[in-house]
C-alpha atoms as a PDB file:
ATOM      1  CA  MET A   1      82.212  53.925 111.975  1.00  0.00           C
ATOM      2  CA  ASN A   2      80.343  55.420 109.050  1.00  0.00           C
ATOM      3  CA  ALA A   3      78.279  53.575 106.441  1.00  0.00           C
ATOM      4  CA  SER A   4      80.934  54.068 103.773  1.00  0.00           C
ATOM      5  CA  SER A   5      83.537  52.107 105.697  1.00  0.00           C
ATOM      6  CA  LYS A   6      81.138  49.152 105.841  1.00  0.00           C
ATOM      7  CA  PHE A   7      80.429  49.068 102.105  1.00  0.00           C
ATOM      8  CA  LYS A   8      80.626  45.523 100.778  1.00  0.00           C
ATOM      9  CA  GLY A   9      79.756  45.531  97.109  1.00  0.00           C
ATOM     10  CA  THR A  10      80.295  42.357  95.105  1.00  0.00           C
ATOM     11  CA  GLU A  11      81.988  41.903  91.751  1.00  0.00           C
ATOM     12  CA  GLU A  12      78.621  40.826  90.330  1.00  0.00           C
ATOM     13  CA  GLN A  13      76.991  44.074  91.496  1.00  0.00           C
ATOM     14  CA  LEU A  14      79.844  46.122  90.044  1.00  0.00           C
ATOM     15  CA  ASN A  15      79.538  44.356  86.702  1.00  0.00           C
ATOM     16  CA  LYS A  16      75.761  45.007  86.623  1.00  0.00           C
ATOM     17  CA  LEU A  17      76.341  48.686  87.401  1.00  0.00           C
ATOM     18  CA  LYS A  18      79.014  49.041  84.727  1.00  0.00           C
ATOM     19  CA  ALA A  19      76.680  47.390  82.184  1.00  0.00           C
ATOM     20  CA  VAL A  20      73.892  49.842  83.064  1.00  0.00           C
ATOM     21  CA  ILE A  21      76.277  52.779  82.702  1.00  0.00           C
ATOM     22  CA  GLU A  22      77.608  51.489  79.385  1.00  0.00           C
ATOM     23  CA  GLU A  23      74.173  50.946  77.830  1.00  0.00           C
ATOM     24  CA  SER A  24      72.806  54.270  79.129  1.00  0.00           C
ATOM     25  CA  LYS A  25      75.634  56.783  78.882  1.00  0.00           C
ATOM     26  CA  LYS A  26      74.921  57.942  75.339  1.00  0.00           C
ATOM     27  CA  ILE A  27      71.351  58.928  76.276  1.00  0.00           C
ATOM     28  CA  PRO A  28      71.049  62.569  77.355  1.00  0.00           C
ATOM     29  CA  GLY A  29      69.854  62.926  80.942  1.00  0.00           C
ATOM     30  CA  CYS A  30      70.723  59.327  81.827  1.00  0.00           C
ATOM     31  CA  LEU A  31      72.018  60.079  85.330  1.00  0.00           C
ATOM     32  CA  MET A  32      68.637  59.666  87.064  1.00  0.00           C
ATOM     33  CA  HIS A  33      68.035  56.337  85.328  1.00  0.00           C
ATOM     34  CA  ILE A  34      71.492  55.073  86.260  1.00  0.00           C
ATOM     35  CA  LEU A  35      71.081  56.173  89.885  1.00  0.00           C
ATOM     36  CA  GLN A  36      67.733  54.389  90.103  1.00  0.00           C
ATOM     37  CA  GLU A  37      69.231  51.228  88.645  1.00  0.00           C
ATOM     38  CA  ALA A  38      72.252  51.485  90.962  1.00  0.00           C
ATOM     39  CA  GLN A  39      70.024  51.823  94.008  1.00  0.00           C
ATOM     40  CA  GLY A  40      68.134  48.753  92.804  1.00  0.00           C
ATOM     41  CA  ILE A  41      71.407  46.832  92.561  1.00  0.00           C
ATOM     42  CA  TYR A  42      72.919  47.925  95.885  1.00  0.00           C
ATOM     43  CA  GLY A  43      69.876  49.024  97.910  1.00  0.00           C
ATOM     44  CA  TYR A  44      71.463  52.426  98.515  1.00  0.00           C
ATOM     45  CA  LEU A  45      74.040  54.760  96.962  1.00  0.00           C
ATOM     46  CA  PRO A  46      77.265  54.877  98.984  1.00  0.00           C
ATOM     47  CA  ILE A  47      80.109  57.115  97.837  1.00  0.00           C
ATOM     48  CA  GLU A  48      81.871  54.140  96.227  1.00  0.00           C
ATOM     49  CA  VAL A  49      78.904  53.560  93.893  1.00  0.00           C
ATOM     50  CA  GLN A  50      78.586  57.274  93.149  1.00  0.00           C
ATOM     51  CA  THR A  51      82.282  57.350  92.236  1.00  0.00           C
ATOM     52  CA  VAL A  52      81.871  54.482  89.740  1.00  0.00           C
ATOM     53  CA  ILE A  53      78.933  56.334  88.159  1.00  0.00           C
ATOM     54  CA  ALA A  54      80.815  59.643  87.981  1.00  0.00           C
ATOM     55  CA  GLU A  55      83.838  57.996  86.388  1.00  0.00           C
ATOM     56  CA  GLY A  56      81.674  55.977  83.997  1.00  0.00           C
ATOM     57  CA  LEU A  57      79.844  59.096  82.799  1.00  0.00           C
ATOM     58  CA  ASN A  58      82.957  61.291  82.908  1.00  0.00           C
ATOM     59  CA  ILE A  59      81.244  63.802  85.202  1.00  0.00           C
ATOM     60  CA  SER A  60      82.219  65.129  88.617  1.00  0.00           C
ATOM     61  CA  LEU A  61      81.438  63.234  91.777  1.00  0.00           C
ATOM     62  CA  SER A  62      79.893  66.440  93.124  1.00  0.00           C
ATOM     63  CA  GLU A  63      77.361  66.434  90.268  1.00  0.00           C
ATOM     64  CA  VAL A  64      76.333  62.855  91.076  1.00  0.00           C
ATOM     65  CA  TYR A  65      76.244  63.585  94.818  1.00  0.00           C
ATOM     66  CA  GLY A  66      74.152  66.719  94.206  1.00  0.00           C
ATOM     67  CA  VAL A  67      71.462  64.700  92.430  1.00  0.00           C
ATOM     68  CA  VAL A  68      71.537  61.888  95.000  1.00  0.00           C
ATOM     69  CA  THR A  69      71.100  64.290  97.909  1.00  0.00           C
ATOM     70  CA  PHE A  70      68.454  66.426  96.160  1.00  0.00           C
ATOM     71  CA  TYR A  71      65.946  63.628  95.546  1.00  0.00           C
ATOM     72  CA  SER A  72      64.412  61.905  98.577  1.00  0.00           C
ATOM     73  CA  GLN A  73      64.000  58.628  96.658  1.00  0.00           C
ATOM     74  CA  PHE A  74      67.760  58.056  96.924  1.00  0.00           C
ATOM     75  CA  SER A  75      69.421  56.819 100.090  1.00  0.00           C
ATOM     76  CA  LEU A  76      73.011  57.278 101.231  1.00  0.00           C
ATOM     77  CA  GLN A  77      72.499  54.748 104.018  1.00  0.00           C
ATOM     78  CA  PRO A  78      71.837  51.020 103.718  1.00  0.00           C
ATOM     79  CA  LYS A  79      68.278  49.879 104.388  1.00  0.00           C
ATOM     80  CA  GLY A  80      67.333  46.841 106.406  1.00  0.00           C
ATOM     81  CA  LYS A  81      65.565  43.748 105.191  1.00  0.00           C
ATOM     82  CA  TYR A  82      62.662  45.091 107.250  1.00  0.00           C
ATOM     83  CA  ARG A  83      62.209  48.792 106.487  1.00  0.00           C
ATOM     84  CA  ILE A  84      60.314  50.491 109.293  1.00  0.00           C
ATOM     85  CA  SER A  85      58.590  53.748 108.462  1.00  0.00           C
ATOM     86  CA  ILE A  86      57.065  55.610 111.390  1.00  0.00           C
ATOM     87  CA  CYS A  87      54.477  58.246 110.548  1.00  0.00           C
ATOM     88  CA  LEU A  88      55.171  61.629 112.116  1.00  0.00           C
ATOM     89  CA  GLY A  89      52.278  63.388 110.375  1.00  0.00           C
ATOM     90  CA  THR A  90      49.943  65.521 112.465  1.00  0.00           C
ATOM     91  CA  ALA A  91      47.346  62.876 113.391  1.00  0.00           C
ATOM     92  CA  CYS A  92      49.990  60.300 114.308  1.00  0.00           C
ATOM     93  CA  TYR A  93      52.209  62.769 116.135  1.00  0.00           C
ATOM     94  CA  VAL A  94      49.316  64.078 118.240  1.00  0.00           C
ATOM     95  CA  LYS A  95      48.513  60.476 119.199  1.00  0.00           C
ATOM     96  CA  GLY A  96      52.098  59.725 120.270  1.00  0.00           C
ATOM     97  CA  SER A  97      54.091  58.504 117.269  1.00  0.00           C
ATOM     98  CA  ASP A  98      57.153  60.283 118.698  1.00  0.00           C
ATOM     99  CA  LYS A  99      56.985  57.847 121.647  1.00  0.00           C
ATOM    100  CA  ILE A 100      56.746  54.912 119.211  1.00  0.00           C
ATOM    101  CA  LEU A 101      59.843  56.198 117.416  1.00  0.00           C
ATOM    102  CA  GLU A 102      61.720  56.535 120.731  1.00  0.00           C
ATOM    103  CA  GLU A 103      60.824  52.933 121.612  1.00  0.00           C
ATOM    104  CA  LEU A 104      61.910  51.674 118.173  1.00  0.00           C
ATOM    105  CA  GLU A 105      65.248  53.454 118.544  1.00  0.00           C
ATOM    106  CA  LYS A 106      65.690  52.003 122.045  1.00  0.00           C
ATOM    107  CA  GLN A 107      64.737  48.451 121.011  1.00  0.00           C
ATOM    108  CA  LEU A 108      66.951  48.453 117.898  1.00  0.00           C
ATOM    109  CA  GLY A 109      69.850  50.533 119.215  1.00  0.00           C
ATOM    110  CA  ILE A 110      69.787  52.854 116.196  1.00  0.00           C
ATOM    111  CA  LYS A 111      68.470  56.320 115.432  1.00  0.00           C
ATOM    112  CA  CYS A 112      65.943  57.263 112.758  1.00  0.00           C
ATOM    113  CA  GLY A 113      67.689  57.006 109.392  1.00  0.00           C
ATOM    114  CA  GLY A 114      69.897  54.173 110.621  1.00  0.00           C
ATOM    115  CA  CYS A 115      70.207  50.463 109.957  1.00  0.00           C
ATOM    116  CA  THR A 116      71.010  47.725 112.469  1.00  0.00           C
ATOM    117  CA  GLU A 117      74.467  46.130 112.244  1.00  0.00           C
ATOM    118  CA  ASP A 118      72.936  42.819 111.135  1.00  0.00           C
ATOM    119  CA  GLY A 119      71.078  44.545 108.283  1.00  0.00           C
ATOM    120  CA  LEU A 120      67.729  43.306 109.565  1.00  0.00           C
ATOM    121  CA  PHE A 121      66.004  46.603 110.442  1.00  0.00           C
ATOM    122  CA  SER A 122      66.167  50.227 109.361  1.00  0.00           C
ATOM    123  CA  ILE A 123      64.050  53.106 110.629  1.00  0.00           C
ATOM    124  CA  ASP A 124      62.830  56.115 108.690  1.00  0.00           C
ATOM    125  CA  SER A 125      60.089  58.616 109.348  1.00  0.00           C
ATOM    126  CA  CYS A 126      57.453  59.835 106.945  1.00  0.00           C
ATOM    127  CA  ARG A 127      54.782  62.515 107.002  1.00  0.00           C
ATOM    128  CA  CYS A 128      51.671  60.448 106.244  1.00  0.00           C
ATOM    129  CA  VAL A 129      50.790  56.908 105.218  1.00  0.00           C
ATOM    130  CA  GLY A 130      47.113  57.715 104.669  1.00  0.00           C
ATOM    131  CA  ALA A 131      45.859  55.744 107.650  1.00  0.00           C
ATOM    132  CA  CYS A 132      45.086  58.647 109.981  1.00  0.00           C
ATOM    133  CA  GLY A 133      42.138  56.807 111.545  1.00  0.00           C
ATOM    134  CA  LEU A 134      44.610  54.213 112.867  1.00  0.00           C
ATOM    135  CA  ALA A 135      47.012  56.767 114.374  1.00  0.00           C
ATOM    136  CA  PRO A 136      49.702  56.335 115.487  1.00  0.00           C
ATOM    137  CA  VAL A 137      50.888  54.200 112.578  1.00  0.00           C
ATOM    138  CA  MET A 138      54.072  52.541 111.386  1.00  0.00           C
ATOM    139  CA  MET A 139      54.773  50.348 108.407  1.00  0.00           C
ATOM    140  CA  ILE A 140      57.241  47.503 108.180  1.00  0.00           C
ATOM    141  CA  ASN A 141      57.835  46.971 104.491  1.00  0.00           C
ATOM    142  CA  ASP A 142      54.219  46.900 103.222  1.00  0.00           C
ATOM    143  CA  GLU A 143      52.521  45.868 106.467  1.00  0.00           C
ATOM    144  CA  VAL A 144      50.657  48.603 108.384  1.00  0.00           C
ATOM    145  CA  TYR A 145      50.501  48.624 112.190  1.00  0.00           C
ATOM    146  CA  GLY A 146      48.027  51.049 113.751  1.00  0.00           C
ATOM    147  CA  LYS A 147      46.731  52.244 117.104  1.00  0.00           C
ATOM    148  CA  LEU A 148      50.224  51.612 118.447  1.00  0.00           C
ATOM    149  CA  THR A 149      51.510  52.047 121.955  1.00  0.00           C
ATOM    150  CA  PRO A 150      55.180  51.907 122.937  1.00  0.00           C
ATOM    151  CA  ASP A 151      54.668  48.592 124.753  1.00  0.00           C
ATOM    152  CA  MET A 152      53.547  46.951 121.477  1.00  0.00           C
ATOM    153  CA  VAL A 153      56.858  47.670 119.686  1.00  0.00           C
ATOM    154  CA  LYS A 154      58.938  44.818 121.144  1.00  0.00           C
ATOM    155  CA  GLY A 155      56.334  42.173 120.247  1.00  0.00           C
ATOM    156  CA  ILE A 156      56.087  43.446 116.680  1.00  0.00           C
ATOM    157  CA  LEU A 157      59.870  43.457 116.244  1.00  0.00           C
ATOM    158  CA  ASP A 158      60.127  39.975 117.808  1.00  0.00           C
ATOM    159  CA  LYS A 159      57.764  38.641 115.135  1.00  0.00           C
ATOM    160  CA  TYR A 160      60.279  39.679 112.461  1.00  0.00           C
ATOM    161  CA  ARG A 161      63.269  38.454 114.457  1.00  0.00           C
ATOM    162  CA  GLU A 162      61.631  35.042 114.878  1.00  0.00           C
ATOM    163  CA  ALA A 163      61.041  34.823 111.131  1.00  0.00           C
ATOM    164  CA  GLN A 164      64.843  34.873 110.765  1.00  0.00           C
ATOM    165  CA  ALA A 165      65.433  31.988 113.197  1.00  0.00           C
END
């Protein structure tokens, strides 16, 4: 099942998006602004949202999709409440961040770039978080975890799971 088939936008979100399009569409170069606002509303930019934007601006879906896929700030996949970013930069990689990523994927049952079915966790990789002295490093939202080993992953994830209980 792909992310698109799981899309569950609300009427309230759609109305917010349409209002943003309406108030912005007369401004030249408004597509970036609208995409940023749309991602803020939905958390990501599934094809259904891109279609609404294309129709609202009277431009092709391929033009919208081209911008969304060009800029790394935009996501085609939903993100979890807890966004995990594992550093795969040189210092972290040399110290075993690939093993941390493997353990995250195993513990969560998703691959890098994915989101758990319950929407709690998503995993992405990055090239550097600027904490090379703590390598290997991952961030969960804004919290940095350093000097990681694969056996530490479950305990860290459990802390976030327990916060949901």
